[in-house]
Amino acid sequence: MSDERTTISGGMETAFGFRRVGEGEKQGLVNDVFHRVAERYDLMNDLMSGGLHRVWKDAMVTWLAPPRRPGFKALDVAGGTGDIAFRIVEASNYQADATVLDINGSMLAVGRDRAEKRGIGANLNFIEANAEDLPFPDATFDAYTIAFGIRNVPQIAAALSEAFRVLRPGGRFLCLEFSDVRMPFLDKAYDAWSFNAIPRIGRMVAGDDEPYRYLVESIRKFPNQENFAEMMRTAGFSRVTWRDYSGGIAALHSGWKI
């Protein structure tokens, strides 16, 4: 399989990295990847971004600007280890309530443990569920965030539709994801680092290069900035825009439920 990106017409549902898999097979394969890397998830993101994921996540929550008043409810999807949810709670001066939802129990276990150690568990709720079928009523949340997770969801259109459904009118969707590098020369250097160094480091650090190889490949299959923005519009979001970080290595998409 080539590394050609998927488009708004689909393709991610059967793309396990560069490998084509059967309908319904991808979720189980992705689950296995994250069971294997859960304990080293932050390290994985450090390897894949050179540590910049921490800066990008801070920028994501800064752009969200959670209010410092009670009643603000955020849903962080595919956020098992709590990275974004913790930032939202802390940025709100511990006024916001954040629900962390992940399909992977191993990732949620890491998040619960981290929340307990940081002493912020009272503001957090951890739920094991599927982004394609959220267990919440319509118009429940003020914000829906997802960081480096949506490319692992087989049915991205379904996840976006669910995001729109559970947001209140005036609610905001923010998605941070590795994206299409737009800076000349950086794209070649980033490819060389991704395909050669990251799997090797994964093997040395975690004793397993396969999950890291999948994650590198999955980035190259994910729709580019324009195509993902169009998918958001199709799901119903308004005022859709994005910001590129580090030459497009990552992109932060924003949309509103009007």
C-alpha atoms as a PDB file:
ATOM      1  CA  MET A   1       0.000   0.000   0.000  1.00  0.00           C
ATOM      2  CA  SER A   2       1.238   3.491  -0.789  1.00  0.00           C
ATOM      3  CA  ASP A   3       1.466   6.304   1.713  1.00  0.00           C
ATOM      4  CA  GLU A   4      -1.100   8.379  -0.210  1.00  0.00           C
ATOM      5  CA  ARG A   5      -3.374  10.266   2.194  1.00  0.00           C
ATOM      6  CA  THR A   6      -7.041   9.425   2.460  1.00  0.00           C
ATOM      7  CA  THR A   7      -9.591  12.084   1.547  1.00  0.00           C
ATOM      8  CA  ILE A   8     -13.088  13.155   2.541  1.00  0.00           C
ATOM      9  CA  SER A   9     -14.413  10.164   0.598  1.00  0.00           C
ATOM     10  CA  GLY A  10     -12.988   7.826   3.232  1.00  0.00           C
ATOM     11  CA  GLY A  11     -10.367   5.119   3.465  1.00  0.00           C
ATOM     12  CA  MET A  12      -9.153   5.352   7.050  1.00  0.00           C
ATOM     13  CA  GLU A  13     -11.694   2.718   8.143  1.00  0.00           C
ATOM     14  CA  THR A  14      -9.674  -0.029   6.429  1.00  0.00           C
ATOM     15  CA  ALA A  15      -6.188   1.513   6.662  1.00  0.00           C
ATOM     16  CA  PHE A  16      -4.052   0.046   9.434  1.00  0.00           C
ATOM     17  CA  GLY A  17      -1.009   2.149   8.673  1.00  0.00           C
ATOM     18  CA  PHE A  18      -0.120   1.376   5.049  1.00  0.00           C
ATOM     19  CA  ARG A  19      -1.779  -2.018   5.348  1.00  0.00           C
ATOM     20  CA  ARG A  20      -5.294  -2.585   4.046  1.00  0.00           C
ATOM     21  CA  VAL A  21      -7.443  -4.596   6.463  1.00  0.00           C
ATOM     22  CA  GLY A  22     -10.985  -5.901   6.256  1.00  0.00           C
ATOM     23  CA  GLU A  23     -14.092  -4.025   7.373  1.00  0.00           C
ATOM     24  CA  GLY A  24     -14.354  -4.199  11.152  1.00  0.00           C
ATOM     25  CA  GLU A  25     -10.768  -5.360  11.701  1.00  0.00           C
ATOM     26  CA  LYS A  26      -9.028  -2.052  12.344  1.00  0.00           C
ATOM     27  CA  GLN A  27     -10.421  -1.316  15.813  1.00  0.00           C
ATOM     28  CA  GLY A  28      -9.090  -4.533  17.309  1.00  0.00           C
ATOM     29  CA  LEU A  29      -5.655  -3.964  15.785  1.00  0.00           C
ATOM     30  CA  VAL A  30      -5.535  -0.382  17.065  1.00  0.00           C
ATOM     31  CA  ASN A  31      -6.633  -1.526  20.523  1.00  0.00           C
ATOM     32  CA  ASP A  32      -3.715  -3.959  20.600  1.00  0.00           C
ATOM     33  CA  VAL A  33      -1.275  -1.180  19.688  1.00  0.00           C
ATOM     34  CA  PHE A  34      -2.404   0.991  22.586  1.00  0.00           C
ATOM     35  CA  HIS A  35      -2.504  -1.864  25.089  1.00  0.00           C
ATOM     36  CA  ARG A  36       1.160  -2.374  24.206  1.00  0.00           C
ATOM     37  CA  VAL A  37       2.223   1.284  24.437  1.00  0.00           C
ATOM     38  CA  ALA A  38      -0.039   2.580  27.247  1.00  0.00           C
ATOM     39  CA  GLU A  39       2.680   2.710  29.892  1.00  0.00           C
ATOM     40  CA  ARG A  40       4.984   4.554  27.503  1.00  0.00           C
ATOM     41  CA  TYR A  41       2.435   6.723  25.712  1.00  0.00           C
ATOM     42  CA  ASP A  42       4.014  10.049  26.689  1.00  0.00           C
ATOM     43  CA  LEU A  43       7.400   8.716  25.646  1.00  0.00           C
ATOM     44  CA  MET A  44       5.877   7.669  22.316  1.00  0.00           C
ATOM     45  CA  ASN A  45       4.620  11.190  21.690  1.00  0.00           C
ATOM     46  CA  ASP A  46       7.977  12.615  22.730  1.00  0.00           C
ATOM     47  CA  LEU A  47       9.665  10.382  20.163  1.00  0.00           C
ATOM     48  CA  MET A  48       7.215  11.246  17.402  1.00  0.00           C
ATOM     49  CA  SER A  49       7.269  15.006  18.000  1.00  0.00           C
ATOM     50  CA  GLY A  50      10.683  15.643  19.524  1.00  0.00           C
ATOM     51  CA  GLY A  51       8.884  16.668  22.720  1.00  0.00           C
ATOM     52  CA  LEU A  52       6.866  19.355  20.919  1.00  0.00           C
ATOM     53  CA  HIS A  53       3.549  17.628  21.631  1.00  0.00           C
ATOM     54  CA  ARG A  54       3.632  19.206  25.084  1.00  0.00           C
ATOM     55  CA  VAL A  55       3.875  22.714  23.570  1.00  0.00           C
ATOM     56  CA  TRP A  56       1.117  21.928  21.049  1.00  0.00           C
ATOM     57  CA  LYS A  57      -1.187  20.605  23.780  1.00  0.00           C
ATOM     58  CA  ASP A  58      -0.633  23.740  25.832  1.00  0.00           C
ATOM     59  CA  ALA A  59      -1.513  25.805  22.746  1.00  0.00           C
ATOM     60  CA  MET A  60      -4.663  23.728  22.240  1.00  0.00           C
ATOM     61  CA  VAL A  61      -5.959  24.445  25.741  1.00  0.00           C
ATOM     62  CA  THR A  62      -4.930  28.099  25.492  1.00  0.00           C
ATOM     63  CA  TRP A  63      -7.029  28.412  22.312  1.00  0.00           C
ATOM     64  CA  LEU A  64      -9.943  26.670  24.051  1.00  0.00           C
ATOM     65  CA  ALA A  65      -9.635  29.117  26.985  1.00  0.00           C
ATOM     66  CA  PRO A  66     -11.843  27.250  29.486  1.00  0.00           C
ATOM     67  CA  PRO A  67     -13.607  29.790  31.719  1.00  0.00           C
ATOM     68  CA  ARG A  68     -12.717  30.073  35.383  1.00  0.00           C
ATOM     69  CA  ARG A  69     -16.269  29.513  36.557  1.00  0.00           C
ATOM     70  CA  PRO A  70     -18.272  26.441  37.555  1.00  0.00           C
ATOM     71  CA  GLY A  71     -20.420  24.622  35.044  1.00  0.00           C
ATOM     72  CA  PHE A  72     -18.048  24.269  32.077  1.00  0.00           C
ATOM     73  CA  LYS A  73     -18.096  20.658  30.867  1.00  0.00           C
ATOM     74  CA  ALA A  74     -15.431  19.259  28.549  1.00  0.00           C
ATOM     75  CA  LEU A  75     -15.199  15.881  26.877  1.00  0.00           C
ATOM     76  CA  ASP A  76     -11.717  14.690  25.927  1.00  0.00           C
ATOM     77  CA  VAL A  77     -11.969  11.744  23.554  1.00  0.00           C
ATOM     78  CA  ALA A  78      -9.165   9.222  22.995  1.00  0.00           C
ATOM     79  CA  GLY A  79      -7.501  10.977  25.907  1.00  0.00           C
ATOM     80  CA  GLY A  80      -6.972   8.024  28.220  1.00  0.00           C
ATOM     81  CA  THR A  81      -3.777   9.214  29.903  1.00  0.00           C
ATOM     82  CA  GLY A  82      -5.389  12.533  30.786  1.00  0.00           C
ATOM     83  CA  ASP A  83      -2.944  14.952  29.170  1.00  0.00           C
ATOM     84  CA  ILE A  84      -5.555  17.331  27.733  1.00  0.00           C
ATOM     85  CA  ALA A  85      -8.140  16.900  30.487  1.00  0.00           C
ATOM     86  CA  PHE A  86      -5.597  17.763  33.182  1.00  0.00           C
ATOM     87  CA  ARG A  87      -4.646  20.920  31.294  1.00  0.00           C
ATOM     88  CA  ILE A  88      -8.298  21.957  30.920  1.00  0.00           C
ATOM     89  CA  VAL A  89      -9.010  21.503  34.628  1.00  0.00           C
ATOM     90  CA  GLU A  90      -5.871  23.369  35.639  1.00  0.00           C
ATOM     91  CA  ALA A  91      -6.455  26.209  33.123  1.00  0.00           C
ATOM     92  CA  SER A  92      -9.963  26.683  34.547  1.00  0.00           C
ATOM     93  CA  ASN A  93      -8.540  27.031  38.062  1.00  0.00           C
ATOM     94  CA  TYR A  94     -10.188  23.690  38.912  1.00  0.00           C
ATOM     95  CA  GLN A  95     -13.653  24.975  37.982  1.00  0.00           C
ATOM     96  CA  ALA A  96     -14.242  22.850  34.850  1.00  0.00           C
ATOM     97  CA  ASP A  97     -15.359  19.240  34.870  1.00  0.00           C
ATOM     98  CA  ALA A  98     -13.674  17.022  32.296  1.00  0.00           C
ATOM     99  CA  THR A  99     -14.758  13.594  31.105  1.00  0.00           C
ATOM    100  CA  VAL A 100     -11.953  11.459  29.701  1.00  0.00           C
ATOM    101  CA  LEU A 101     -13.254   8.909  27.211  1.00  0.00           C
ATOM    102  CA  ASP A 102     -11.159   6.194  25.617  1.00  0.00           C
ATOM    103  CA  ILE A 103     -11.919   2.843  24.035  1.00  0.00           C
ATOM    104  CA  ASN A 104      -8.769   1.390  25.574  1.00  0.00           C
ATOM    105  CA  GLY A 105      -8.876   0.339  29.211  1.00  0.00           C
ATOM    106  CA  SER A 106      -5.091   0.231  29.537  1.00  0.00           C
ATOM    107  CA  MET A 107      -4.819   3.893  28.558  1.00  0.00           C
ATOM    108  CA  LEU A 108      -7.591   4.853  31.015  1.00  0.00           C
ATOM    109  CA  ALA A 109      -5.817   2.986  33.821  1.00  0.00           C
ATOM    110  CA  VAL A 110      -2.731   5.130  33.255  1.00  0.00           C
ATOM    111  CA  GLY A 111      -4.888   8.277  33.309  1.00  0.00           C
ATOM    112  CA  ARG A 112      -6.670   7.367  36.532  1.00  0.00           C
ATOM    113  CA  ASP A 113      -3.351   6.671  38.225  1.00  0.00           C
ATOM    114  CA  ARG A 114      -1.909   9.981  37.032  1.00  0.00           C
ATOM    115  CA  ALA A 115      -5.007  11.899  38.162  1.00  0.00           C
ATOM    116  CA  GLU A 116      -4.780  10.369  41.638  1.00  0.00           C
ATOM    117  CA  LYS A 117      -1.117  11.283  41.938  1.00  0.00           C
ATOM    118  CA  ARG A 118      -1.853  14.877  40.879  1.00  0.00           C
ATOM    119  CA  GLY A 119      -4.787  15.174  43.258  1.00  0.00           C
ATOM    120  CA  ILE A 120      -7.298  16.357  40.637  1.00  0.00           C
ATOM    121  CA  GLY A 121      -9.565  13.341  40.459  1.00  0.00           C
ATOM    122  CA  ALA A 122     -12.575  15.262  41.799  1.00  0.00           C
ATOM    123  CA  ASN A 123     -12.846  17.191  38.530  1.00  0.00           C
ATOM    124  CA  LEU A 124     -12.446  14.162  36.287  1.00  0.00           C
ATOM    125  CA  ASN A 125     -14.539  11.259  35.088  1.00  0.00           C
ATOM    126  CA  PHE A 126     -13.046   8.331  33.150  1.00  0.00           C
ATOM    127  CA  ILE A 127     -15.252   6.347  30.765  1.00  0.00           C
ATOM    128  CA  GLU A 128     -14.395   3.414  28.518  1.00  0.00           C
ATOM    129  CA  ALA A 129     -16.432   3.835  25.330  1.00  0.00           C
ATOM    130  CA  ASN A 130     -16.245   4.206  21.557  1.00  0.00           C
ATOM    131  CA  ALA A 131     -15.876   7.625  19.900  1.00  0.00           C
ATOM    132  CA  GLU A 132     -18.207   6.412  17.141  1.00  0.00           C
ATOM    133  CA  ASP A 133     -21.064   5.817  19.617  1.00  0.00           C
ATOM    134  CA  LEU A 134     -20.829   8.150  22.605  1.00  0.00           C
ATOM    135  CA  PRO A 135     -22.846   7.196  25.718  1.00  0.00           C
ATOM    136  CA  PHE A 136     -24.156  10.726  26.368  1.00  0.00           C
ATOM    137  CA  PRO A 137     -27.384  12.599  25.632  1.00  0.00           C
ATOM    138  CA  ASP A 138     -27.497  15.305  22.999  1.00  0.00           C
ATOM    139  CA  ALA A 139     -26.106  18.736  23.934  1.00  0.00           C
ATOM    140  CA  THR A 140     -24.178  17.609  27.022  1.00  0.00           C
ATOM    141  CA  PHE A 141     -20.790  19.335  26.687  1.00  0.00           C
ATOM    142  CA  ASP A 142     -19.388  22.814  26.133  1.00  0.00           C
ATOM    143  CA  ALA A 143     -16.206  21.501  24.518  1.00  0.00           C
ATOM    144  CA  TYR A 144     -15.041  18.347  22.762  1.00  0.00           C
ATOM    145  CA  THR A 145     -11.285  17.834  22.443  1.00  0.00           C
ATOM    146  CA  ILE A 146      -9.284  15.067  20.833  1.00  0.00           C
ATOM    147  CA  ALA A 147      -5.482  15.040  20.563  1.00  0.00           C
ATOM    148  CA  PHE A 148      -3.570  12.561  18.404  1.00  0.00           C
ATOM    149  CA  GLY A 149      -6.489  10.174  18.512  1.00  0.00           C
ATOM    150  CA  ILE A 150      -8.881  10.727  15.646  1.00  0.00           C
ATOM    151  CA  ARG A 151      -6.644   9.104  13.033  1.00  0.00           C
ATOM    152  CA  ASN A 152      -6.979   5.862  15.034  1.00  0.00           C
ATOM    153  CA  VAL A 153     -10.792   5.935  14.849  1.00  0.00           C
ATOM    154  CA  PRO A 154     -11.955   3.694  11.971  1.00  0.00           C
ATOM    155  CA  GLN A 155     -15.102   5.687  11.119  1.00  0.00           C
ATOM    156  CA  ILE A 156     -13.930   9.285  11.390  1.00  0.00           C
ATOM    157  CA  ALA A 157     -17.159  10.698   9.927  1.00  0.00           C
ATOM    158  CA  ALA A 158     -19.166   8.874  12.600  1.00  0.00           C
ATOM    159  CA  ALA A 159     -16.925  10.251  15.349  1.00  0.00           C
ATOM    160  CA  LEU A 160     -17.329  13.798  14.019  1.00  0.00           C
ATOM    161  CA  SER A 161     -21.097  13.360  13.849  1.00  0.00           C
ATOM    162  CA  GLU A 162     -21.134  12.176  17.453  1.00  0.00           C
ATOM    163  CA  ALA A 163     -18.954  15.106  18.493  1.00  0.00           C
ATOM    164  CA  PHE A 164     -21.449  17.513  16.955  1.00  0.00           C
ATOM    165  CA  ARG A 165     -24.392  15.719  18.602  1.00  0.00           C
ATOM    166  CA  VAL A 166     -23.063  15.834  22.180  1.00  0.00           C
ATOM    167  CA  LEU A 167     -21.988  19.482  22.029  1.00  0.00           C
ATOM    168  CA  ARG A 168     -24.328  22.173  23.260  1.00  0.00           C
ATOM    169  CA  PRO A 169     -25.265  24.998  20.873  1.00  0.00           C
ATOM    170  CA  GLY A 170     -22.280  27.339  21.015  1.00  0.00           C
ATOM    171  CA  GLY A 171     -20.010  24.433  21.904  1.00  0.00           C
ATOM    172  CA  ARG A 172     -16.570  24.004  20.404  1.00  0.00           C
ATOM    173  CA  PHE A 173     -14.698  21.125  18.782  1.00  0.00           C
ATOM    174  CA  LEU A 174     -10.888  21.105  18.852  1.00  0.00           C
ATOM    175  CA  CYS A 175      -8.766  18.407  17.214  1.00  0.00           C
ATOM    176  CA  LEU A 176      -4.967  18.282  17.450  1.00  0.00           C
ATOM    177  CA  GLU A 177      -3.419  15.781  15.066  1.00  0.00           C
ATOM    178  CA  PHE A 178      -0.205  15.049  13.220  1.00  0.00           C
ATOM    179  CA  SER A 179      -0.754  16.421   9.741  1.00  0.00           C
ATOM    180  CA  ASP A 180       0.693  17.269   6.335  1.00  0.00           C
ATOM    181  CA  VAL A 181       4.084  18.988   6.517  1.00  0.00           C
ATOM    182  CA  ARG A 182       3.993  22.119   4.346  1.00  0.00           C
ATOM    183  CA  MET A 183       7.552  23.390   4.780  1.00  0.00           C
ATOM    184  CA  PRO A 184      10.098  22.502   2.047  1.00  0.00           C
ATOM    185  CA  PHE A 185      12.996  20.330   3.223  1.00  0.00           C
ATOM    186  CA  LEU A 186      11.341  19.805   6.619  1.00  0.00           C
ATOM    187  CA  ASP A 187       9.054  17.208   5.043  1.00  0.00           C
ATOM    188  CA  LYS A 188      12.011  15.086   3.894  1.00  0.00           C
ATOM    189  CA  ALA A 189      13.823  15.386   7.217  1.00  0.00           C
ATOM    190  CA  TYR A 190      10.640  14.518   9.118  1.00  0.00           C
ATOM    191  CA  ASP A 191      10.040  11.454   6.926  1.00  0.00           C
ATOM    192  CA  ALA A 192      13.586  10.248   7.483  1.00  0.00           C
ATOM    193  CA  TRP A 193      13.227  10.670  11.242  1.00  0.00           C
ATOM    194  CA  SER A 194       9.795   9.040  11.334  1.00  0.00           C
ATOM    195  CA  PHE A 195      10.430   5.958   9.224  1.00  0.00           C
ATOM    196  CA  ASN A 196      13.991   5.224  10.282  1.00  0.00           C
ATOM    197  CA  ALA A 197      14.620   6.535  13.774  1.00  0.00           C
ATOM    198  CA  ILE A 198      11.291   6.218  15.575  1.00  0.00           C
ATOM    199  CA  PRO A 199      10.754   2.452  15.076  1.00  0.00           C
ATOM    200  CA  ARG A 200      14.369   1.772  16.030  1.00  0.00           C
ATOM    201  CA  ILE A 201      14.104   3.863  19.180  1.00  0.00           C
ATOM    202  CA  GLY A 202      10.795   2.166  19.969  1.00  0.00           C
ATOM    203  CA  ARG A 203      12.520  -1.199  19.735  1.00  0.00           C
ATOM    204  CA  MET A 204      15.340  -0.054  22.021  1.00  0.00           C
ATOM    205  CA  VAL A 205      13.137   1.668  24.598  1.00  0.00           C
ATOM    206  CA  ALA A 206      10.040  -0.524  24.554  1.00  0.00           C
ATOM    207  CA  GLY A 207      11.419  -3.700  23.011  1.00  0.00           C
ATOM    208  CA  ASP A 208       8.851  -3.473  20.221  1.00  0.00           C
ATOM    209  CA  ASP A 209       8.957  -1.463  16.994  1.00  0.00           C
ATOM    210  CA  GLU A 210       5.667  -2.580  15.418  1.00  0.00           C
ATOM    211  CA  PRO A 211       3.331  -0.188  17.301  1.00  0.00           C
ATOM    212  CA  TYR A 212       5.599   2.735  16.471  1.00  0.00           C
ATOM    213  CA  ARG A 213       5.746   1.751  12.824  1.00  0.00           C
ATOM    214  CA  TYR A 214       1.939   1.689  12.664  1.00  0.00           C
ATOM    215  CA  LEU A 215       1.663   5.100  14.321  1.00  0.00           C
ATOM    216  CA  VAL A 216       4.156   6.648  11.899  1.00  0.00           C
ATOM    217  CA  GLU A 217       2.319   5.168   8.916  1.00  0.00           C
ATOM    218  CA  SER A 218      -1.102   6.197  10.209  1.00  0.00           C
ATOM    219  CA  ILE A 219      -0.015   9.845  10.162  1.00  0.00           C
ATOM    220  CA  ARG A 220       0.656   9.597   6.417  1.00  0.00           C
ATOM    221  CA  LYS A 221      -2.797   8.141   5.751  1.00  0.00           C
ATOM    222  CA  PHE A 222      -4.746  10.790   7.658  1.00  0.00           C
ATOM    223  CA  PRO A 223      -6.505  13.446   5.535  1.00  0.00           C
ATOM    224  CA  ASN A 224      -4.589  16.688   5.041  1.00  0.00           C
ATOM    225  CA  GLN A 225      -5.655  19.955   6.646  1.00  0.00           C
ATOM    226  CA  GLU A 226      -8.130  20.998   3.943  1.00  0.00           C
ATOM    227  CA  ASN A 227      -9.769  17.595   3.674  1.00  0.00           C
ATOM    228  CA  PHE A 228     -10.184  17.201   7.424  1.00  0.00           C
ATOM    229  CA  ALA A 229     -11.673  20.706   7.632  1.00  0.00           C
ATOM    230  CA  GLU A 230     -14.186  19.708   4.956  1.00  0.00           C
ATOM    231  CA  MET A 231     -15.083  16.573   6.934  1.00  0.00           C
ATOM    232  CA  MET A 232     -15.809  18.808   9.926  1.00  0.00           C
ATOM    233  CA  ARG A 233     -18.064  21.033   7.830  1.00  0.00           C
ATOM    234  CA  THR A 234     -19.907  17.979   6.514  1.00  0.00           C
ATOM    235  CA  ALA A 235     -20.550  16.923  10.131  1.00  0.00           C
ATOM    236  CA  GLY A 236     -22.223  20.292  10.744  1.00  0.00           C
ATOM    237  CA  PHE A 237     -19.471  22.439  12.246  1.00  0.00           C
ATOM    238  CA  SER A 238     -19.264  26.147  11.452  1.00  0.00           C
ATOM    239  CA  ARG A 239     -16.400  28.653  11.461  1.00  0.00           C
ATOM    240  CA  VAL A 240     -13.980  25.818  10.749  1.00  0.00           C
ATOM    241  CA  THR A 241     -10.336  26.811  10.755  1.00  0.00           C
ATOM    242  CA  TRP A 242      -6.954  25.405  11.694  1.00  0.00           C
ATOM    243  CA  ARG A 243      -3.491  26.383  12.815  1.00  0.00           C
ATOM    244  CA  ASP A 244      -0.368  24.599  11.610  1.00  0.00           C
ATOM    245  CA  TYR A 245       2.385  23.937  14.125  1.00  0.00           C
ATOM    246  CA  SER A 246       6.026  23.284  13.296  1.00  0.00           C
ATOM    247  CA  GLY A 247       5.516  23.611   9.555  1.00  0.00           C
ATOM    248  CA  GLY A 248       2.473  21.338   9.516  1.00  0.00           C
ATOM    249  CA  ILE A 249       3.905  18.438  11.508  1.00  0.00           C
ATOM    250  CA  ALA A 250       0.792  18.990  13.586  1.00  0.00           C
ATOM    251  CA  ALA A 251      -2.406  20.911  12.928  1.00  0.00           C
ATOM    252  CA  LEU A 252      -5.041  22.129  15.363  1.00  0.00           C
ATOM    253  CA  HIS A 253      -8.537  22.255  13.868  1.00  0.00           C
ATOM    254  CA  SER A 254     -11.363  24.270  15.438  1.00  0.00           C
ATOM    255  CA  GLY A 255     -15.080  24.268  14.735  1.00  0.00           C
ATOM    256  CA  TRP A 256     -18.250  25.486  16.442  1.00  0.00           C
ATOM    257  CA  LYS A 257     -21.744  24.110  16.843  1.00  0.00           C
ATOM    258  CA  ILE A 258     -23.862  27.141  15.938  1.00  0.00           C
END
